[in-house]
Amino acid sequence: MDLFVYWQIAIAWKGLIKPLGLWKSVRTIARLYDAAMGLLVFFPIAVLSWFPFVSTFQSRLLFNQAFSRGLEISLILAGNQPNTRI
């Protein structure tokens, strides 16, 4: 059985586990599991966010239709207003 299933059983039997003095251990293990899963999910995302090609790729995905029309996204992001009257 998976360790996660044992935690679920321990949480379901909280009334029995608490008088035995094991509830603090169950909570500690659950928090460590939660932290480990968070690192497993978010650490690769954080590492990839430091590379410049990921930002370029994300911009291409978000503005694919605009890029295909030849729109300059950098002008929009920079705040340049080429079509205003002086």
N, C-alpha and C. Protein backbone atom coordinates (compact mmCIF):
# COMPACT_ATOMS: atom_id res chain seq x y z
N MET A 1 0.83 -1.18 0.00
CA MET A 1 0.00 0.00 0.00
C MET A 1 0.88 1.25 0.00
N ASP A 2 0.35 2.29 -0.58
CA ASP A 2 1.07 3.55 -0.63
C ASP A 2 1.04 4.22 0.75
N LEU A 3 2.09 4.94 1.06
CA LEU A 3 2.17 5.63 2.34
C LEU A 3 1.06 6.67 2.49
N PHE A 4 0.68 7.27 1.38
CA PHE A 4 -0.39 8.27 1.40
C PHE A 4 -1.71 7.65 1.88
N VAL A 5 -1.95 6.41 1.52
CA VAL A 5 -3.18 5.72 1.95
C VAL A 5 -3.18 5.54 3.47
N TYR A 6 -2.01 5.24 4.04
CA TYR A 6 -1.91 5.10 5.49
C TYR A 6 -2.22 6.42 6.20
N TRP A 7 -1.77 7.52 5.61
CA TRP A 7 -2.08 8.83 6.19
C TRP A 7 -3.56 9.11 6.13
N GLN A 8 -4.19 8.75 5.04
CA GLN A 8 -5.63 8.96 4.93
C GLN A 8 -6.38 8.13 5.97
N ILE A 9 -5.92 6.91 6.18
CA ILE A 9 -6.54 6.06 7.20
C ILE A 9 -6.32 6.65 8.59
N ALA A 10 -5.11 7.16 8.83
CA ALA A 10 -4.81 7.76 10.13
C ALA A 10 -5.68 8.99 10.37
N ILE A 11 -5.90 9.79 9.32
CA ILE A 11 -6.74 10.97 9.47
C ILE A 11 -8.19 10.56 9.72
N ALA A 12 -8.63 9.52 9.05
CA ALA A 12 -10.00 9.04 9.25
C ALA A 12 -10.19 8.48 10.67
N TRP A 13 -9.16 7.89 11.21
CA TRP A 13 -9.21 7.33 12.56
C TRP A 13 -8.59 8.27 13.58
N LYS A 14 -8.76 9.56 13.36
CA LYS A 14 -8.15 10.57 14.24
C LYS A 14 -8.54 10.36 15.70
N GLY A 15 -9.79 9.99 15.93
CA GLY A 15 -10.26 9.77 17.31
C GLY A 15 -9.51 8.65 18.01
N LEU A 16 -9.05 7.67 17.26
CA LEU A 16 -8.30 6.56 17.85
C LEU A 16 -6.81 6.87 17.94
N ILE A 17 -6.30 7.61 16.97
CA ILE A 17 -4.87 7.92 16.90
C ILE A 17 -4.47 8.97 17.94
N LYS A 18 -5.35 9.95 18.17
CA LYS A 18 -5.02 11.05 19.07
C LYS A 18 -4.77 10.58 20.51
N PRO A 19 -5.61 9.72 21.09
CA PRO A 19 -5.32 9.26 22.46
C PRO A 19 -4.05 8.42 22.57
N LEU A 20 -3.63 7.80 21.47
CA LEU A 20 -2.40 7.01 21.49
C LEU A 20 -1.14 7.88 21.45
N GLY A 21 -1.34 9.18 21.18
CA GLY A 21 -0.20 10.09 21.15
C GLY A 21 0.54 10.10 19.82
N LEU A 22 -0.08 9.59 18.77
CA LEU A 22 0.58 9.52 17.47
C LEU A 22 0.12 10.62 16.51
N TRP A 23 -0.83 11.44 16.96
CA TRP A 23 -1.39 12.43 16.04
C TRP A 23 -0.35 13.47 15.60
N LYS A 24 0.53 13.87 16.50
CA LYS A 24 1.56 14.84 16.15
C LYS A 24 2.50 14.28 15.08
N SER A 25 2.80 13.01 15.17
CA SER A 25 3.65 12.36 14.17
C SER A 25 2.96 12.29 12.82
N VAL A 26 1.68 11.99 12.82
CA VAL A 26 0.92 11.93 11.57
C VAL A 26 0.90 13.29 10.91
N ARG A 27 0.68 14.36 11.68
CA ARG A 27 0.68 15.71 11.13
C ARG A 27 2.05 16.10 10.58
N THR A 28 3.11 15.73 11.28
CA THR A 28 4.46 16.05 10.83
C THR A 28 4.77 15.35 9.52
N ILE A 29 4.45 14.09 9.41
CA ILE A 29 4.70 13.33 8.18
C ILE A 29 3.86 13.90 7.04
N ALA A 30 2.63 14.28 7.32
CA ALA A 30 1.77 14.86 6.28
C ALA A 30 2.33 16.19 5.78
N ARG A 31 2.87 17.00 6.69
CA ARG A 31 3.47 18.27 6.27
C ARG A 31 4.73 18.06 5.46
N LEU A 32 5.54 17.09 5.83
CA LEU A 32 6.75 16.78 5.05
C LEU A 32 6.38 16.27 3.66
N TYR A 33 5.35 15.44 3.59
CA TYR A 33 4.88 14.95 2.30
C TYR A 33 4.40 16.10 1.42
N ASP A 34 3.66 17.02 2.03
CA ASP A 34 3.14 18.17 1.29
C ASP A 34 4.29 19.05 0.79
N ALA A 35 5.30 19.27 1.61
CA ALA A 35 6.45 20.07 1.20
C ALA A 35 7.23 19.38 0.08
N ALA A 36 7.39 18.07 0.18
CA ALA A 36 8.11 17.33 -0.86
C ALA A 36 7.37 17.38 -2.19
N MET A 37 6.06 17.23 -2.16
CA MET A 37 5.28 17.30 -3.40
C MET A 37 5.33 18.71 -3.99
N GLY A 38 5.31 19.72 -3.13
CA GLY A 38 5.44 21.10 -3.61
C GLY A 38 6.76 21.34 -4.29
N LEU A 39 7.85 20.83 -3.70
CA LEU A 39 9.17 20.96 -4.34
C LEU A 39 9.23 20.19 -5.65
N LEU A 40 8.64 19.02 -5.67
CA LEU A 40 8.66 18.21 -6.88
C LEU A 40 7.94 18.90 -8.03
N VAL A 41 6.86 19.61 -7.72
CA VAL A 41 6.09 20.28 -8.76
C VAL A 41 6.70 21.62 -9.14
N PHE A 42 7.05 22.45 -8.15
CA PHE A 42 7.43 23.82 -8.44
C PHE A 42 8.92 24.04 -8.69
N PHE A 43 9.79 23.16 -8.23
CA PHE A 43 11.23 23.36 -8.45
C PHE A 43 11.59 23.35 -9.94
N PRO A 44 11.09 22.41 -10.74
CA PRO A 44 11.41 22.49 -12.18
C PRO A 44 10.87 23.75 -12.84
N ILE A 45 9.71 24.21 -12.42
CA ILE A 45 9.15 25.44 -12.98
C ILE A 45 10.04 26.63 -12.61
N ALA A 46 10.52 26.69 -11.38
CA ALA A 46 11.39 27.78 -10.96
C ALA A 46 12.71 27.75 -11.71
N VAL A 47 13.28 26.57 -11.92
CA VAL A 47 14.54 26.47 -12.65
C VAL A 47 14.36 26.89 -14.10
N LEU A 48 13.29 26.44 -14.74
CA LEU A 48 13.04 26.80 -16.13
C LEU A 48 12.75 28.29 -16.30
N SER A 49 12.20 28.93 -15.29
CA SER A 49 11.87 30.36 -15.41
C SER A 49 13.12 31.23 -15.47
N TRP A 50 14.29 30.70 -15.08
CA TRP A 50 15.53 31.48 -15.13
C TRP A 50 16.13 31.51 -16.54
N PHE A 51 15.70 30.63 -17.42
CA PHE A 51 16.27 30.59 -18.76
C PHE A 51 15.51 31.55 -19.67
N PRO A 52 16.23 32.33 -20.48
CA PRO A 52 15.55 33.32 -21.32
C PRO A 52 14.71 32.70 -22.43
N PHE A 53 15.08 31.52 -22.93
CA PHE A 53 14.31 30.92 -24.03
C PHE A 53 12.90 30.52 -23.59
N VAL A 54 12.71 30.25 -22.31
CA VAL A 54 11.38 29.89 -21.81
C VAL A 54 10.46 31.10 -21.89
N SER A 55 10.98 32.28 -21.55
CA SER A 55 10.19 33.50 -21.64
C SER A 55 9.79 33.78 -23.09
N THR A 56 10.72 33.60 -24.01
CA THR A 56 10.42 33.80 -25.43
C THR A 56 9.37 32.81 -25.90
N PHE A 57 9.53 31.56 -25.51
CA PHE A 57 8.57 30.52 -25.88
C PHE A 57 7.18 30.82 -25.33
N GLN A 58 7.14 31.31 -24.08
CA GLN A 58 5.85 31.65 -23.46
C GLN A 58 5.19 32.81 -24.21
N SER A 59 5.98 33.80 -24.59
CA SER A 59 5.42 34.92 -25.35
C SER A 59 4.88 34.45 -26.70
N ARG A 60 5.60 33.55 -27.33
CA ARG A 60 5.12 33.01 -28.61
C ARG A 60 3.80 32.26 -28.43
N LEU A 61 3.68 31.50 -27.35
CA LEU A 61 2.44 30.77 -27.11
C LEU A 61 1.27 31.71 -26.82
N LEU A 62 1.54 32.74 -26.01
CA LEU A 62 0.47 33.65 -25.61
C LEU A 62 0.02 34.54 -26.76
N PHE A 63 0.96 34.98 -27.59
CA PHE A 63 0.65 35.95 -28.64
C PHE A 63 0.85 35.36 -30.03
N ASN A 64 0.54 34.07 -30.20
CA ASN A 64 0.79 33.39 -31.46
C ASN A 64 0.05 34.06 -32.62
N GLN A 65 -1.21 34.38 -32.42
CA GLN A 65 -1.99 35.00 -33.49
C GLN A 65 -1.43 36.38 -33.84
N ALA A 66 -1.02 37.14 -32.84
CA ALA A 66 -0.46 38.46 -33.10
C ALA A 66 0.87 38.36 -33.84
N PHE A 67 1.70 37.38 -33.48
CA PHE A 67 2.97 37.20 -34.17
C PHE A 67 2.74 36.80 -35.63
N SER A 68 1.73 35.98 -35.86
CA SER A 68 1.49 35.55 -37.23
C SER A 68 1.00 36.71 -38.09
N ARG A 69 0.41 37.73 -37.49
CA ARG A 69 -0.02 38.92 -38.22
C ARG A 69 1.09 39.96 -38.34
N GLY A 70 2.22 39.71 -37.73
CA GLY A 70 3.35 40.62 -37.82
C GLY A 70 3.30 41.76 -36.83
N LEU A 71 2.56 41.62 -35.77
CA LEU A 71 2.43 42.67 -34.76
C LEU A 71 3.69 42.71 -33.90
N GLU A 72 4.16 43.89 -33.61
CA GLU A 72 5.34 44.06 -32.75
C GLU A 72 4.89 44.15 -31.30
N ILE A 73 5.03 43.08 -30.58
CA ILE A 73 4.61 43.04 -29.17
C ILE A 73 5.48 43.95 -28.33
N SER A 74 6.75 44.06 -28.68
CA SER A 74 7.66 44.88 -27.87
C SER A 74 7.23 46.34 -27.87
N LEU A 75 6.65 46.83 -28.98
CA LEU A 75 6.16 48.21 -29.02
C LEU A 75 4.99 48.39 -28.06
N ILE A 76 4.13 47.38 -27.99
CA ILE A 76 2.98 47.46 -27.09
C ILE A 76 3.44 47.41 -25.64
N LEU A 77 4.36 46.51 -25.33
CA LEU A 77 4.84 46.37 -23.96
C LEU A 77 5.66 47.57 -23.52
N ALA A 78 6.36 48.22 -24.45
CA ALA A 78 7.18 49.38 -24.11
C ALA A 78 6.33 50.63 -23.91
N GLY A 79 5.11 50.61 -24.40
CA GLY A 79 4.24 51.76 -24.24
C GLY A 79 4.37 52.78 -25.35
N ASN A 80 5.04 52.44 -26.43
CA ASN A 80 5.15 53.35 -27.56
C ASN A 80 3.79 53.52 -28.22
N GLN A 81 3.48 54.75 -28.60
CA GLN A 81 2.19 55.04 -29.24
C GLN A 81 2.46 55.69 -30.59
N PRO A 82 2.73 54.93 -31.63
CA PRO A 82 3.10 55.51 -32.93
C PRO A 82 1.94 56.18 -33.66
N ASN A 83 0.69 55.90 -33.30
CA ASN A 83 -0.45 56.43 -34.03
C ASN A 83 -1.14 57.61 -33.35
N THR A 84 -0.47 58.30 -32.46
CA THR A 84 -1.08 59.43 -31.78
C THR A 84 -0.67 60.74 -32.45
N ARG A 85 -1.55 61.72 -32.38
CA ARG A 85 -1.25 63.04 -32.95
C ARG A 85 -0.50 63.89 -31.94
N ILE A 86 0.39 64.69 -32.44
CA ILE A 86 1.18 65.56 -31.56
C ILE A 86 0.61 66.94 -31.55
